[in-house]
């Protein structure tokens, strides 16, 4: 029960911190997946394109709030 209430209290504020802290991982997730999964057709250019998309999506989300 205690864990449930701790998580319930934490989640609404989890997106209010800067990237890399709390529940906001920003583009760090991309780097982690590339390091773990090592996609066979992955290139630096593809990673950059995905990173830009993630950053633009985060910017759009912030504008909506």
PDB file of N, CA and C in Angstrom:
ATOM      1  N   UNK A   1       0.825  -1.203   0.000  1.00  0.00           N
ATOM      2  CA  UNK A   1       0.000   0.000   0.000  1.00  0.00           C
ATOM      3  C   UNK A   1       0.866   1.262   0.000  1.00  0.00           C
ATOM      4  N   UNK A   2       1.941   1.235   0.760  1.00  0.00           N
ATOM      5  CA  UNK A   2       2.799   2.420   0.857  1.00  0.00           C
ATOM      6  C   UNK A   2       3.404   2.743  -0.508  1.00  0.00           C
ATOM      7  N   UNK A   3       3.896   1.711  -1.197  1.00  0.00           N
ATOM      8  CA  UNK A   3       4.502   1.939  -2.512  1.00  0.00           C
ATOM      9  C   UNK A   3       3.491   2.523  -3.484  1.00  0.00           C
ATOM     10  N   UNK A   4       2.269   2.024  -3.461  1.00  0.00           N
ATOM     11  CA  UNK A   4       1.225   2.551  -4.335  1.00  0.00           C
ATOM     12  C   UNK A   4       1.059   4.051  -4.128  1.00  0.00           C
ATOM     13  N   UNK A   5       0.952   4.492  -2.906  1.00  0.00           N
ATOM     14  CA  UNK A   5       0.737   5.913  -2.630  1.00  0.00           C
ATOM     15  C   UNK A   5       1.973   6.747  -2.958  1.00  0.00           C
ATOM     16  N   UNK A   6       3.156   6.179  -2.774  1.00  0.00           N
ATOM     17  CA  UNK A   6       4.369   6.910  -3.146  1.00  0.00           C
ATOM     18  C   UNK A   6       4.433   7.115  -4.661  1.00  0.00           C
ATOM     19  N   UNK A   7       4.131   6.075  -5.416  1.00  0.00           N
ATOM     20  CA  UNK A   7       4.129   6.187  -6.878  1.00  0.00           C
ATOM     21  C   UNK A   7       3.021   7.124  -7.336  1.00  0.00           C
ATOM     22  N   UNK A   8       1.850   7.011  -6.739  1.00  0.00           N
ATOM     23  CA  UNK A   8       0.730   7.880  -7.115  1.00  0.00           C
ATOM     24  C   UNK A   8       1.067   9.348  -6.874  1.00  0.00           C
ATOM     25  N   UNK A   9       1.808   9.639  -5.824  1.00  0.00           N
ATOM     26  CA  UNK A   9       2.194  11.024  -5.535  1.00  0.00           C
ATOM     27  C   UNK A   9       3.331  11.487  -6.441  1.00  0.00           C
ATOM     28  N   UNK A  10       4.187  10.586  -6.865  1.00  0.00           N
ATOM     29  CA  UNK A  10       5.353  10.943  -7.672  1.00  0.00           C
ATOM     30  C   UNK A  10       5.018  11.175  -9.142  1.00  0.00           C
ATOM     31  N   UNK A  11       4.180  10.370  -9.728  1.00  0.00           N
ATOM     32  CA  UNK A  11       3.932  10.426 -11.164  1.00  0.00           C
ATOM     33  C   UNK A  11       3.421  11.770 -11.687  1.00  0.00           C
ATOM     34  N   UNK A  12       2.492  12.430 -11.033  1.00  0.00           N
ATOM     35  CA  UNK A  12       2.031  13.715 -11.588  1.00  0.00           C
ATOM     36  C   UNK A  12       3.137  14.762 -11.697  1.00  0.00           C
ATOM     37  N   UNK A  13       4.160  14.674 -10.876  1.00  0.00           N
ATOM     38  CA  UNK A  13       5.241  15.656 -10.903  1.00  0.00           C
ATOM     39  C   UNK A  13       6.473  15.156 -11.647  1.00  0.00           C
ATOM     40  N   UNK A  14       6.440  13.931 -12.116  1.00  0.00           N
ATOM     41  CA  UNK A  14       7.606  13.323 -12.734  1.00  0.00           C
ATOM     42  C   UNK A  14       8.048  13.978 -14.026  1.00  0.00           C
ATOM     43  N   UNK A  15       7.177  14.671 -14.718  1.00  0.00           N
ATOM     44  CA  UNK A  15       7.526  15.309 -15.984  1.00  0.00           C
ATOM     45  C   UNK A  15       7.928  16.765 -15.812  1.00  0.00           C
ATOM     46  N   UNK A  16       7.948  17.269 -14.616  1.00  0.00           N
ATOM     47  CA  UNK A  16       8.233  18.683 -14.381  1.00  0.00           C
ATOM     48  C   UNK A  16       9.702  18.976 -14.114  1.00  0.00           C
ATOM     49  N   UNK A  17      10.541  17.987 -14.204  1.00  0.00           N
ATOM     50  CA  UNK A  17      11.971  18.194 -13.966  1.00  0.00           C
ATOM     51  C   UNK A  17      12.692  18.268 -15.306  1.00  0.00           C
ATOM     52  N   UNK A  18      13.940  18.705 -15.303  1.00  0.00           N
ATOM     53  CA  UNK A  18      14.686  18.835 -16.553  1.00  0.00           C
ATOM     54  C   UNK A  18      15.072  17.462 -17.098  1.00  0.00           C
ATOM     55  N   UNK A  19      15.375  17.421 -18.401  1.00  0.00           N
ATOM     56  CA  UNK A  19      15.744  16.162 -19.045  1.00  0.00           C
ATOM     57  C   UNK A  19      16.910  15.501 -18.316  1.00  0.00           C
ATOM     58  N   UNK A  20      16.832  14.175 -18.220  1.00  0.00           N
ATOM     59  CA  UNK A  20      17.886  13.419 -17.564  1.00  0.00           C
ATOM     60  C   UNK A  20      17.645  13.194 -16.086  1.00  0.00           C
ATOM     61  N   UNK A  21      16.575  13.754 -15.548  1.00  0.00           N
ATOM     62  CA  UNK A  21      16.250  13.611 -14.126  1.00  0.00           C
ATOM     63  C   UNK A  21      14.805  13.142 -13.992  1.00  0.00           C
ATOM     64  N   UNK A  22      14.502  12.555 -12.856  1.00  0.00           N
ATOM     65  CA  UNK A  22      13.132  12.108 -12.608  1.00  0.00           C
ATOM     66  C   UNK A  22      12.696  11.113 -13.671  1.00  0.00           C
ATOM     67  N   UNK A  23      11.556  11.352 -14.281  1.00  0.00           N
ATOM     68  CA  UNK A  23      11.025  10.462 -15.311  1.00  0.00           C
ATOM     69  C   UNK A  23      11.210  11.044 -16.705  1.00  0.00           C
ATOM     70  N   UNK A  24      12.045  12.057 -16.835  1.00  0.00           N
ATOM     71  CA  UNK A  24      12.290  12.684 -18.137  1.00  0.00           C
ATOM     72  C   UNK A  24      13.664  12.252 -18.636  1.00  0.00           C
ATOM     73  N   UNK A  25      13.662  11.357 -19.574  1.00  0.00           N
ATOM     74  CA  UNK A  25      14.918  10.825 -20.068  1.00  0.00           C
ATOM     75  C   UNK A  25      15.375  11.497 -21.351  1.00  0.00           C
ATOM     76  N   UNK A  26      14.515  12.292 -21.952  1.00  0.00           N
ATOM     77  CA  UNK A  26      14.893  12.999 -23.167  1.00  0.00           C
ATOM     78  C   UNK A  26      15.404  12.040 -24.228  1.00  0.00           C
ATOM     79  N   UNK A  27      16.503  12.393 -24.853  1.00  0.00           N
ATOM     80  CA  UNK A  27      17.065  11.540 -25.898  1.00  0.00           C
ATOM     81  C   UNK A  27      18.019  10.485 -25.341  1.00  0.00           C
ATOM     82  N   UNK A  28      18.185  10.416 -24.032  1.00  0.00           N
ATOM     83  CA  UNK A  28      19.045   9.395 -23.441  1.00  0.00           C
ATOM     84  C   UNK A  28      18.543   7.987 -23.749  1.00  0.00           C
ATOM     85  N   UNK A  29      17.229   7.856 -23.928  1.00  0.00           N
ATOM     86  CA  UNK A  29      16.650   6.549 -24.234  1.00  0.00           C
ATOM     87  C   UNK A  29      17.187   6.041 -25.565  1.00  0.00           C
ATOM     88  N   UNK A  30      17.303   6.938 -26.533  1.00  0.00           N
ATOM     89  CA  UNK A  30      17.826   6.559 -27.840  1.00  0.00           C
ATOM     90  C   UNK A  30      19.239   5.991 -27.710  1.00  0.00           C
ATOM     91  N   UNK A  31      20.103   6.686 -27.008  1.00  0.00           N
ATOM     92  CA  UNK A  31      21.481   6.222 -26.834  1.00  0.00           C
ATOM     93  C   UNK A  31      21.529   4.872 -26.127  1.00  0.00           C
ATOM     94  N   UNK A  32      20.663   4.681 -25.150  1.00  0.00           N
ATOM     95  CA  UNK A  32      20.628   3.409 -24.423  1.00  0.00           C
ATOM     96  C   UNK A  32      20.202   2.265 -25.344  1.00  0.00           C
ATOM     97  N   UNK A  33      19.157   2.492 -26.147  1.00  0.00           N
ATOM     98  CA  UNK A  33      18.689   1.438 -27.048  1.00  0.00           C
ATOM     99  C   UNK A  33      19.732   1.102 -28.101  1.00  0.00           C
ATOM    100  N   UNK A  34      20.416   2.090 -28.621  1.00  0.00           N
ATOM    101  CA  UNK A  34      21.462   1.826 -29.618  1.00  0.00           C
ATOM    102  C   UNK A  34      22.594   1.015 -28.984  1.00  0.00           C
ATOM    103  N   UNK A  35      22.962   1.357 -27.749  1.00  0.00           N
ATOM    104  CA  UNK A  35      24.040   0.635 -27.072  1.00  0.00           C
ATOM    105  C   UNK A  35      23.650  -0.807 -26.755  1.00  0.00           C
ATOM    106  N   UNK A  36      22.378  -1.024 -26.404  1.00  0.00           N
ATOM    107  CA  UNK A  36      21.935  -2.362 -26.005  1.00  0.00           C
ATOM    108  C   UNK A  36      21.577  -3.216 -27.217  1.00  0.00           C
ATOM    109  N   UNK A  37      20.771  -2.660 -28.127  1.00  0.00           N
ATOM    110  CA  UNK A  37      20.229  -3.448 -29.229  1.00  0.00           C
ATOM    111  C   UNK A  37      21.164  -3.512 -30.440  1.00  0.00           C
ATOM    112  N   UNK A  38      22.044  -2.526 -30.589  1.00  0.00           N
ATOM    113  CA  UNK A  38      22.952  -2.448 -31.720  1.00  0.00           C
ATOM    114  C   UNK A  38      22.241  -2.774 -33.034  1.00  0.00           C
ATOM    115  N   UNK A  39      21.361  -1.868 -33.497  1.00  0.00           N
ATOM    116  CA  UNK A  39      20.623  -2.147 -34.730  1.00  0.00           C
ATOM    117  C   UNK A  39      21.581  -2.350 -35.907  1.00  0.00           C
ATOM    118  N   UNK A  40      21.351  -3.388 -36.714  1.00  0.00           N
ATOM    119  CA  UNK A  40      22.284  -3.701 -37.805  1.00  0.00           C
ATOM    120  C   UNK A  40      22.366  -2.596 -38.863  1.00  0.00           C
ATOM    121  N   UNK A  41      21.285  -1.872 -39.070  1.00  0.00           N
ATOM    122  CA  UNK A  41      21.295  -0.810 -40.077  1.00  0.00           C
ATOM    123  C   UNK A  41      21.377   0.580 -39.442  1.00  0.00           C
ATOM    124  N   UNK A  42      21.769   0.637 -38.183  1.00  0.00           N
ATOM    125  CA  UNK A  42      21.861   1.913 -37.479  1.00  0.00           C
ATOM    126  C   UNK A  42      23.090   2.705 -37.911  1.00  0.00           C
ATOM    127  N   UNK A  43      22.892   3.988 -38.111  1.00  0.00           N
ATOM    128  CA  UNK A  43      23.992   4.880 -38.472  1.00  0.00           C
ATOM    129  C   UNK A  43      23.922   6.116 -37.581  1.00  0.00           C
ATOM    130  N   UNK A  44      24.984   6.872 -37.565  1.00  0.00           N
ATOM    131  CA  UNK A  44      24.989   8.122 -36.798  1.00  0.00           C
ATOM    132  C   UNK A  44      23.947   9.081 -37.352  1.00  0.00           C
ATOM    133  N   UNK A  45      23.775   9.091 -38.678  1.00  0.00           N
ATOM    134  CA  UNK A  45      22.780   9.970 -39.303  1.00  0.00           C
ATOM    135  C   UNK A  45      21.366   9.592 -38.864  1.00  0.00           C
ATOM    136  N   UNK A  46      21.070   8.306 -38.832  1.00  0.00           N
ATOM    137  CA  UNK A  46      19.749   7.856 -38.390  1.00  0.00           C
ATOM    138  C   UNK A  46      19.519   8.232 -36.932  1.00  0.00           C
ATOM    139  N   UNK A  47      20.520   8.039 -36.089  1.00  0.00           N
ATOM    140  CA  UNK A  47      20.390   8.424 -34.681  1.00  0.00           C
ATOM    141  C   UNK A  47      20.132   9.916 -34.542  1.00  0.00           C
ATOM    142  N   UNK A  48      20.816  10.721 -35.351  1.00  0.00           N
ATOM    143  CA  UNK A  48      20.600  12.175 -35.313  1.00  0.00           C
ATOM    144  C   UNK A  48      19.185  12.536 -35.739  1.00  0.00           C
ATOM    145  N   UNK A  49      18.676  11.867 -36.772  1.00  0.00           N
ATOM    146  CA  UNK A  49      17.295  12.129 -37.233  1.00  0.00           C
ATOM    147  C   UNK A  49      16.289  11.780 -36.147  1.00  0.00           C
ATOM    148  N   UNK A  50      16.481  10.640 -35.509  1.00  0.00           N
ATOM    149  CA  UNK A  50      15.567  10.221 -34.438  1.00  0.00           C
ATOM    150  C   UNK A  50      15.672  11.178 -33.260  1.00  0.00           C
ATOM    151  N   UNK A  51      16.892  11.583 -32.922  1.00  0.00           N
ATOM    152  CA  UNK A  51      17.104  12.522 -31.808  1.00  0.00           C
ATOM    153  C   UNK A  51      16.379  13.846 -32.067  1.00  0.00           C
ATOM    154  N   UNK A  52      16.501  14.373 -33.295  1.00  0.00           N
ATOM    155  CA  UNK A  52      15.796  15.617 -33.651  1.00  0.00           C
ATOM    156  C   UNK A  52      14.286  15.447 -33.516  1.00  0.00           C
ATOM    157  N   UNK A  53      13.770  14.291 -33.978  1.00  0.00           N
ATOM    158  CA  UNK A  53      12.341  14.027 -33.869  1.00  0.00           C
ATOM    159  C   UNK A  53      11.904  14.004 -32.405  1.00  0.00           C
ATOM    160  N   UNK A  54      12.656  13.329 -31.549  1.00  0.00           N
ATOM    161  CA  UNK A  54      12.318  13.276 -30.126  1.00  0.00           C
ATOM    162  C   UNK A  54      12.346  14.661 -29.492  1.00  0.00           C
ATOM    163  N   UNK A  55      13.343  15.450 -29.845  1.00  0.00           N
ATOM    164  CA  UNK A  55      13.433  16.816 -29.303  1.00  0.00           C
ATOM    165  C   UNK A  55      12.275  17.682 -29.780  1.00  0.00           C
ATOM    166  N   UNK A  56      11.929  17.581 -31.076  1.00  0.00           N
ATOM    167  CA  UNK A  56      10.804  18.351 -31.608  1.00  0.00           C
ATOM    168  C   UNK A  56       9.488  17.924 -30.964  1.00  0.00           C
ATOM    169  N   UNK A  57       9.330  16.624 -30.750  1.00  0.00           N
ATOM    170  CA  UNK A  57       8.111  16.127 -30.096  1.00  0.00           C
ATOM    171  C   UNK A  57       8.005  16.660 -28.678  1.00  0.00           C
ATOM    172  N   UNK A  58       9.110  16.684 -27.962  1.00  0.00           N
ATOM    173  CA  UNK A  58       9.107  17.216 -26.592  1.00  0.00           C
ATOM    174  C   UNK A  58       8.784  18.701 -26.602  1.00  0.00           C
ATOM    175  N   UNK A  59       9.323  19.439 -27.573  1.00  0.00           N
ATOM    176  CA  UNK A  59       9.026  20.868 -27.685  1.00  0.00           C
ATOM    177  C   UNK A  59       7.537  21.103 -27.935  1.00  0.00           C
ATOM    178  N   UNK A  60       6.944  20.305 -28.843  1.00  0.00           N
ATOM    179  CA  UNK A  60       5.506  20.431 -29.133  1.00  0.00           C
ATOM    180  C   UNK A  60       4.676  20.130 -27.892  1.00  0.00           C
ATOM    181  N   UNK A  61       5.080  19.112 -27.158  1.00  0.00           N
ATOM    182  CA  UNK A  61       4.354  18.736 -25.936  1.00  0.00           C
ATOM    183  C   UNK A  61       4.407  19.875 -24.909  1.00  0.00           C
ATOM    184  N   UNK A  62       5.575  20.493 -24.767  1.00  0.00           N
ATOM    185  CA  UNK A  62       5.704  21.604 -23.819  1.00  0.00           C
ATOM    186  C   UNK A  62       4.841  22.792 -24.250  1.00  0.00           C
ATOM    187  N   UNK A  63       4.736  23.027 -25.557  1.00  0.00           N
ATOM    188  CA  UNK A  63       3.908  24.130 -26.060  1.00  0.00           C
ATOM    189  C   UNK A  63       2.433  23.914 -25.753  1.00  0.00           C
ATOM    190  N   UNK A  64       2.000  22.670 -25.725  1.00  0.00           N
ATOM    191  CA  UNK A  64       0.594  22.357 -25.468  1.00  0.00           C
ATOM    192  C   UNK A  64       0.206  22.543 -24.016  1.00  0.00           C
ATOM    193  N   UNK A  65       1.183  22.565 -23.145  1.00  0.00           N
ATOM    194  CA  UNK A  65       0.877  22.684 -21.703  1.00  0.00           C
ATOM    195  C   UNK A  65       0.711  24.117 -21.294  1.00  0.00           C
TER     196      UNK A  65
END
